[in-house]
Amino acid sequence: MTHRDFCVGALHVLPEHCHKGYADMILHDVCKQYAALYKQAIPENEADLYFCAAVEYLSTSSANLFKE
């Protein structure tokens, strides 16, 4: 589920579809859309763009999606 501002409200992958890269593809696309939206609204030299996430406690699979 996403909100109108592209923030992800919840992302759940069924166990039979885990570890196939679907969550990564979805988050990558949402972040790309988010960046494009804010680059139009805010000139790059006036604001830094950053992403953050809150994941379930001890969910290493979720946390690994956000590692660089």
PDB file of N, CA and C in Angstrom:
ATOM      1  N   MET A   1       0.845  -1.169   0.000  1.00  0.00           N
ATOM      2  CA  MET A   1       0.000   0.000   0.000  1.00  0.00           C
ATOM      3  C   MET A   1       0.893   1.235   0.000  1.00  0.00           C
ATOM      4  N   THR A   2       0.511   2.218  -0.745  1.00  0.00           N
ATOM      5  CA  THR A   2       1.229   3.490  -0.707  1.00  0.00           C
ATOM      6  C   THR A   2       0.237   4.612  -0.453  1.00  0.00           C
ATOM      7  N   HIS A   3       0.767   5.687   0.070  1.00  0.00           N
ATOM      8  CA  HIS A   3      -0.028   6.873   0.281  1.00  0.00           C
ATOM      9  C   HIS A   3       0.132   7.780  -0.927  1.00  0.00           C
ATOM     10  N   ARG A   4      -0.626   8.861  -0.999  1.00  0.00           N
ATOM     11  CA  ARG A   4      -0.574   9.763  -2.152  1.00  0.00           C
ATOM     12  C   ARG A   4       0.805  10.375  -2.352  1.00  0.00           C
ATOM     13  N   ASP A   5       1.584  10.469  -1.286  1.00  0.00           N
ATOM     14  CA  ASP A   5       2.924  11.057  -1.390  1.00  0.00           C
ATOM     15  C   ASP A   5       4.002   9.995  -1.607  1.00  0.00           C
ATOM     16  N   PHE A   6       3.609   8.806  -2.017  1.00  0.00           N
ATOM     17  CA  PHE A   6       4.498   7.685  -2.328  1.00  0.00           C
ATOM     18  C   PHE A   6       5.107   7.018  -1.107  1.00  0.00           C
ATOM     19  N   CYS A   7       4.750   7.447   0.099  1.00  0.00           N
ATOM     20  CA  CYS A   7       5.265   6.752   1.277  1.00  0.00           C
ATOM     21  C   CYS A   7       4.642   5.359   1.327  1.00  0.00           C
ATOM     22  N   VAL A   8       5.456   4.395   1.590  1.00  0.00           N
ATOM     23  CA  VAL A   8       4.961   3.027   1.677  1.00  0.00           C
ATOM     24  C   VAL A   8       4.352   2.831   3.055  1.00  0.00           C
ATOM     25  N   GLY A   9       3.065   2.514   3.079  1.00  0.00           N
ATOM     26  CA  GLY A   9       2.386   2.266   4.342  1.00  0.00           C
ATOM     27  C   GLY A   9       2.600   0.841   4.817  1.00  0.00           C
ATOM     28  N   ALA A  10       2.678  -0.077   3.894  1.00  0.00           N
ATOM     29  CA  ALA A  10       2.898  -1.482   4.231  1.00  0.00           C
ATOM     30  C   ALA A  10       3.338  -2.217   2.968  1.00  0.00           C
ATOM     31  N   LEU A  11       4.192  -3.176   3.156  1.00  0.00           N
ATOM     32  CA  LEU A  11       4.635  -4.015   2.043  1.00  0.00           C
ATOM     33  C   LEU A  11       4.776  -5.433   2.589  1.00  0.00           C
ATOM     34  N   HIS A  12       4.021  -6.327   2.027  1.00  0.00           N
ATOM     35  CA  HIS A  12       4.069  -7.719   2.471  1.00  0.00           C
ATOM     36  C   HIS A  12       4.222  -8.615   1.249  1.00  0.00           C
ATOM     37  N   VAL A  13       5.169  -9.507   1.318  1.00  0.00           N
ATOM     38  CA  VAL A  13       5.388 -10.469   0.241  1.00  0.00           C
ATOM     39  C   VAL A  13       5.001 -11.842   0.774  1.00  0.00           C
ATOM     40  N   LEU A  14       4.155 -12.522   0.053  1.00  0.00           N
ATOM     41  CA  LEU A  14       3.749 -13.861   0.463  1.00  0.00           C
ATOM     42  C   LEU A  14       4.967 -14.786   0.510  1.00  0.00           C
ATOM     43  N   PRO A  15       4.985 -15.694   1.457  1.00  0.00           N
ATOM     44  CA  PRO A  15       6.156 -16.573   1.620  1.00  0.00           C
ATOM     45  C   PRO A  15       6.586 -17.277   0.336  1.00  0.00           C
ATOM     46  N   GLU A  16       5.638 -17.691  -0.479  1.00  0.00           N
ATOM     47  CA  GLU A  16       6.018 -18.394  -1.707  1.00  0.00           C
ATOM     48  C   GLU A  16       6.668 -17.486  -2.753  1.00  0.00           C
ATOM     49  N   HIS A  17       6.614 -16.178  -2.532  1.00  0.00           N
ATOM     50  CA  HIS A  17       7.222 -15.231  -3.462  1.00  0.00           C
ATOM     51  C   HIS A  17       8.430 -14.508  -2.864  1.00  0.00           C
ATOM     52  N   CYS A  18       8.819 -14.903  -1.658  1.00  0.00           N
ATOM     53  CA  CYS A  18       9.968 -14.280  -0.999  1.00  0.00           C
ATOM     54  C   CYS A  18      11.269 -14.619  -1.721  1.00  0.00           C
ATOM     55  N   HIS A  19      12.223 -13.710  -1.587  1.00  0.00           N
ATOM     56  CA  HIS A  19      13.581 -13.886  -2.108  1.00  0.00           C
ATOM     57  C   HIS A  19      13.612 -13.985  -3.635  1.00  0.00           C
ATOM     58  N   LYS A  20      12.671 -13.316  -4.297  1.00  0.00           N
ATOM     59  CA  LYS A  20      12.662 -13.256  -5.762  1.00  0.00           C
ATOM     60  C   LYS A  20      12.902 -11.836  -6.258  1.00  0.00           C
ATOM     61  N   GLY A  21      13.107 -10.901  -5.330  1.00  0.00           N
ATOM     62  CA  GLY A  21      13.415  -9.527  -5.704  1.00  0.00           C
ATOM     63  C   GLY A  21      12.210  -8.623  -5.896  1.00  0.00           C
ATOM     64  N   TYR A  22      11.016  -9.110  -5.616  1.00  0.00           N
ATOM     65  CA  TYR A  22       9.819  -8.297  -5.836  1.00  0.00           C
ATOM     66  C   TYR A  22       9.778  -7.065  -4.939  1.00  0.00           C
ATOM     67  N   ALA A  23      10.054  -7.216  -3.667  1.00  0.00           N
ATOM     68  CA  ALA A  23      10.042  -6.079  -2.744  1.00  0.00           C
ATOM     69  C   ALA A  23      11.076  -5.040  -3.168  1.00  0.00           C
ATOM     70  N   ASP A  24      12.244  -5.489  -3.574  1.00  0.00           N
ATOM     71  CA  ASP A  24      13.295  -4.580  -4.028  1.00  0.00           C
ATOM     72  C   ASP A  24      12.840  -3.799  -5.260  1.00  0.00           C
ATOM     73  N   MET A  25      12.200  -4.481  -6.203  1.00  0.00           N
ATOM     74  CA  MET A  25      11.708  -3.799  -7.410  1.00  0.00           C
ATOM     75  C   MET A  25      10.652  -2.755  -7.062  1.00  0.00           C
ATOM     76  N   ILE A  26       9.744  -3.103  -6.164  1.00  0.00           N
ATOM     77  CA  ILE A  26       8.682  -2.176  -5.781  1.00  0.00           C
ATOM     78  C   ILE A  26       9.275  -0.959  -5.084  1.00  0.00           C
ATOM     79  N   LEU A  27      10.139  -1.170  -4.113  1.00  0.00           N
ATOM     80  CA  LEU A  27      10.730  -0.051  -3.390  1.00  0.00           C
ATOM     81  C   LEU A  27      11.594   0.815  -4.293  1.00  0.00           C
ATOM     82  N   HIS A  28      12.312   0.213  -5.207  1.00  0.00           N
ATOM     83  CA  HIS A  28      13.123   0.975  -6.155  1.00  0.00           C
ATOM     84  C   HIS A  28      12.231   1.900  -6.994  1.00  0.00           C
ATOM     85  N   ASP A  29      11.119   1.368  -7.489  1.00  0.00           N
ATOM     86  CA  ASP A  29      10.218   2.168  -8.306  1.00  0.00           C
ATOM     87  C   ASP A  29       9.571   3.289  -7.499  1.00  0.00           C
ATOM     88  N   VAL A  30       9.140   2.995  -6.279  1.00  0.00           N
ATOM     89  CA  VAL A  30       8.532   4.024  -5.429  1.00  0.00           C
ATOM     90  C   VAL A  30       9.546   5.128  -5.139  1.00  0.00           C
ATOM     91  N   CYS A  31      10.780   4.769  -4.827  1.00  0.00           N
ATOM     92  CA  CYS A  31      11.812   5.773  -4.558  1.00  0.00           C
ATOM     93  C   CYS A  31      12.114   6.604  -5.795  1.00  0.00           C
ATOM     94  N   LYS A  32      12.120   5.983  -6.956  1.00  0.00           N
ATOM     95  CA  LYS A  32      12.353   6.716  -8.205  1.00  0.00           C
ATOM     96  C   LYS A  32      11.245   7.732  -8.453  1.00  0.00           C
ATOM     97  N   GLN A  33       9.990   7.324  -8.234  1.00  0.00           N
ATOM     98  CA  GLN A  33       8.867   8.244  -8.410  1.00  0.00           C
ATOM     99  C   GLN A  33       8.922   9.372  -7.383  1.00  0.00           C
ATOM    100  N   TYR A  34       9.267   9.039  -6.157  1.00  0.00           N
ATOM    101  CA  TYR A  34       9.387  10.018  -5.080  1.00  0.00           C
ATOM    102  C   TYR A  34      10.452  11.065  -5.435  1.00  0.00           C
ATOM    103  N   ALA A  35      11.597  10.612  -5.888  1.00  0.00           N
ATOM    104  CA  ALA A  35      12.676  11.525  -6.258  1.00  0.00           C
ATOM    105  C   ALA A  35      12.263  12.430  -7.409  1.00  0.00           C
ATOM    106  N   ALA A  36      11.605  11.879  -8.418  1.00  0.00           N
ATOM    107  CA  ALA A  36      11.162  12.686  -9.562  1.00  0.00           C
ATOM    108  C   ALA A  36      10.158  13.756  -9.135  1.00  0.00           C
ATOM    109  N   LEU A  37       9.236  13.389  -8.263  1.00  0.00           N
ATOM    110  CA  LEU A  37       8.233  14.332  -7.769  1.00  0.00           C
ATOM    111  C   LEU A  37       8.893  15.500  -7.049  1.00  0.00           C
ATOM    112  N   TYR A  38       9.809  15.203  -6.152  1.00  0.00           N
ATOM    113  CA  TYR A  38      10.435  16.259  -5.374  1.00  0.00           C
ATOM    114  C   TYR A  38      11.476  17.042  -6.157  1.00  0.00           C
ATOM    115  N   LYS A  39      12.091  16.460  -7.149  1.00  0.00           N
ATOM    116  CA  LYS A  39      13.020  17.217  -7.985  1.00  0.00           C
ATOM    117  C   LYS A  39      12.282  18.269  -8.801  1.00  0.00           C
ATOM    118  N   GLN A  40      11.037  17.991  -9.162  1.00  0.00           N
ATOM    119  CA  GLN A  40      10.226  18.991  -9.864  1.00  0.00           C
ATOM    120  C   GLN A  40       9.810  20.103  -8.917  1.00  0.00           C
ATOM    121  N   ALA A  41       9.482  19.744  -7.690  1.00  0.00           N
ATOM    122  CA  ALA A  41       8.959  20.709  -6.728  1.00  0.00           C
ATOM    123  C   ALA A  41      10.041  21.521  -6.032  1.00  0.00           C
ATOM    124  N   ILE A  42      11.222  20.922  -5.822  1.00  0.00           N
ATOM    125  CA  ILE A  42      12.287  21.578  -5.066  1.00  0.00           C
ATOM    126  C   ILE A  42      13.573  21.531  -5.888  1.00  0.00           C
ATOM    127  N   PRO A  43      14.126  22.684  -6.235  1.00  0.00           N
ATOM    128  CA  PRO A  43      15.397  22.671  -6.979  1.00  0.00           C
ATOM    129  C   PRO A  43      16.479  21.915  -6.207  1.00  0.00           C
ATOM    130  N   GLU A  44      17.277  21.150  -6.923  1.00  0.00           N
ATOM    131  CA  GLU A  44      18.291  20.299  -6.285  1.00  0.00           C
ATOM    132  C   GLU A  44      19.265  21.071  -5.410  1.00  0.00           C
ATOM    133  N   ASN A  45      19.578  22.303  -5.782  1.00  0.00           N
ATOM    134  CA  ASN A  45      20.565  23.043  -5.004  1.00  0.00           C
ATOM    135  C   ASN A  45      19.984  23.633  -3.716  1.00  0.00           C
ATOM    136  N   GLU A  46      18.684  23.515  -3.495  1.00  0.00           N
ATOM    137  CA  GLU A  46      18.073  24.076  -2.295  1.00  0.00           C
ATOM    138  C   GLU A  46      17.733  23.023  -1.239  1.00  0.00           C
ATOM    139  N   ALA A  47      17.669  21.762  -1.597  1.00  0.00           N
ATOM    140  CA  ALA A  47      17.284  20.747  -0.622  1.00  0.00           C
ATOM    141  C   ALA A  47      17.933  19.414  -0.950  1.00  0.00           C
ATOM    142  N   ASP A  48      18.294  18.707   0.087  1.00  0.00           N
ATOM    143  CA  ASP A  48      18.795  17.346  -0.066  1.00  0.00           C
ATOM    144  C   ASP A  48      17.610  16.395  -0.037  1.00  0.00           C
ATOM    145  N   LEU A  49      17.691  15.348  -0.798  1.00  0.00           N
ATOM    146  CA  LEU A  49      16.643  14.337  -0.830  1.00  0.00           C
ATOM    147  C   LEU A  49      17.167  13.093  -0.131  1.00  0.00           C
ATOM    148  N   TYR A  50      16.417  12.581   0.809  1.00  0.00           N
ATOM    149  CA  TYR A  50      16.832  11.382   1.519  1.00  0.00           C
ATOM    150  C   TYR A  50      15.637  10.472   1.743  1.00  0.00           C
ATOM    151  N   PHE A  51      15.904   9.226   1.992  1.00  0.00           N
ATOM    152  CA  PHE A  51      14.878   8.227   2.231  1.00  0.00           C
ATOM    153  C   PHE A  51      15.129   7.597   3.599  1.00  0.00           C
ATOM    154  N   CYS A  52      14.073   7.260   4.268  1.00  0.00           N
ATOM    155  CA  CYS A  52      14.208   6.557   5.541  1.00  0.00           C
ATOM    156  C   CYS A  52      13.142   5.469   5.600  1.00  0.00           C
ATOM    157  N   ALA A  53      13.315   4.554   6.525  1.00  0.00           N
ATOM    158  CA  ALA A  53      12.373   3.445   6.633  1.00  0.00           C
ATOM    159  C   ALA A  53      12.244   2.998   8.077  1.00  0.00           C
ATOM    160  N   ALA A  54      11.088   2.510   8.393  1.00  0.00           N
ATOM    161  CA  ALA A  54      10.852   1.862   9.684  1.00  0.00           C
ATOM    162  C   ALA A  54      10.450   0.423   9.367  1.00  0.00           C
ATOM    163  N   VAL A  55      11.183  -0.511   9.913  1.00  0.00           N
ATOM    164  CA  VAL A  55      10.903  -1.922   9.636  1.00  0.00           C
ATOM    165  C   VAL A  55      10.543  -2.632  10.925  1.00  0.00           C
ATOM    166  N   GLU A  56       9.881  -3.763  10.782  1.00  0.00           N
ATOM    167  CA  GLU A  56       9.502  -4.549  11.953  1.00  0.00           C
ATOM    168  C   GLU A  56      10.742  -4.974  12.734  1.00  0.00           C
ATOM    169  N   TYR A  57      10.600  -4.983  14.028  1.00  0.00           N
ATOM    170  CA  TYR A  57      11.690  -5.373  14.912  1.00  0.00           C
ATOM    171  C   TYR A  57      12.206  -6.764  14.553  1.00  0.00           C
ATOM    172  N   LEU A  58      13.482  -6.870  14.390  1.00  0.00           N
ATOM    173  CA  LEU A  58      14.176  -8.116  14.068  1.00  0.00           C
ATOM    174  C   LEU A  58      13.822  -8.709  12.705  1.00  0.00           C
ATOM    175  N   SER A  59      13.295  -7.889  11.805  1.00  0.00           N
ATOM    176  CA  SER A  59      13.015  -8.377  10.461  1.00  0.00           C
ATOM    177  C   SER A  59      14.233  -8.085   9.589  1.00  0.00           C
ATOM    178  N   THR A  60      15.186  -9.005   9.590  1.00  0.00           N
ATOM    179  CA  THR A  60      16.405  -8.779   8.825  1.00  0.00           C
ATOM    180  C   THR A  60      16.137  -8.720   7.333  1.00  0.00           C
ATOM    181  N   SER A  61      15.148  -9.448   6.847  1.00  0.00           N
ATOM    182  CA  SER A  61      14.815  -9.392   5.424  1.00  0.00           C
ATOM    183  C   SER A  61      14.389  -7.994   5.039  1.00  0.00           C
ATOM    184  N   SER A  62      13.543  -7.371   5.849  1.00  0.00           N
ATOM    185  CA  SER A  62      13.098  -5.998   5.579  1.00  0.00           C
ATOM    186  C   SER A  62      14.250  -5.021   5.697  1.00  0.00           C
ATOM    187  N   ALA A  63      15.028  -5.144   6.759  1.00  0.00           N
ATOM    188  CA  ALA A  63      16.145  -4.231   6.977  1.00  0.00           C
ATOM    189  C   ALA A  63      17.155  -4.311   5.839  1.00  0.00           C
ATOM    190  N   ASN A  64      17.391  -5.475   5.300  1.00  0.00           N
ATOM    191  CA  ASN A  64      18.369  -5.646   4.220  1.00  0.00           C
ATOM    192  C   ASN A  64      17.952  -4.916   2.948  1.00  0.00           C
ATOM    193  N   LEU A  65      16.673  -4.657   2.765  1.00  0.00           N
ATOM    194  CA  LEU A  65      16.233  -3.919   1.588  1.00  0.00           C
ATOM    195  C   LEU A  65      16.770  -2.490   1.573  1.00  0.00           C
ATOM    196  N   PHE A  66      17.126  -1.966   2.727  1.00  0.00           N
ATOM    197  CA  PHE A  66      17.517  -0.576   2.838  1.00  0.00           C
ATOM    198  C   PHE A  66      19.012  -0.375   3.073  1.00  0.00           C
ATOM    199  N   LYS A  67      19.789  -1.417   2.984  1.00  0.00           N
ATOM    200  CA  LYS A  67      21.235  -1.287   3.115  1.00  0.00           C
ATOM    201  C   LYS A  67      21.833  -0.831   1.804  1.00  0.00           C
ATOM    202  N   GLU A  68      22.871  -0.035   1.900  1.00  0.00           N
ATOM    203  CA  GLU A  68      23.571   0.394   0.681  1.00  0.00           C
ATOM    204  C   GLU A  68      24.656  -0.574   0.341  1.00  0.00           C
TER     205      GLU A  68
END
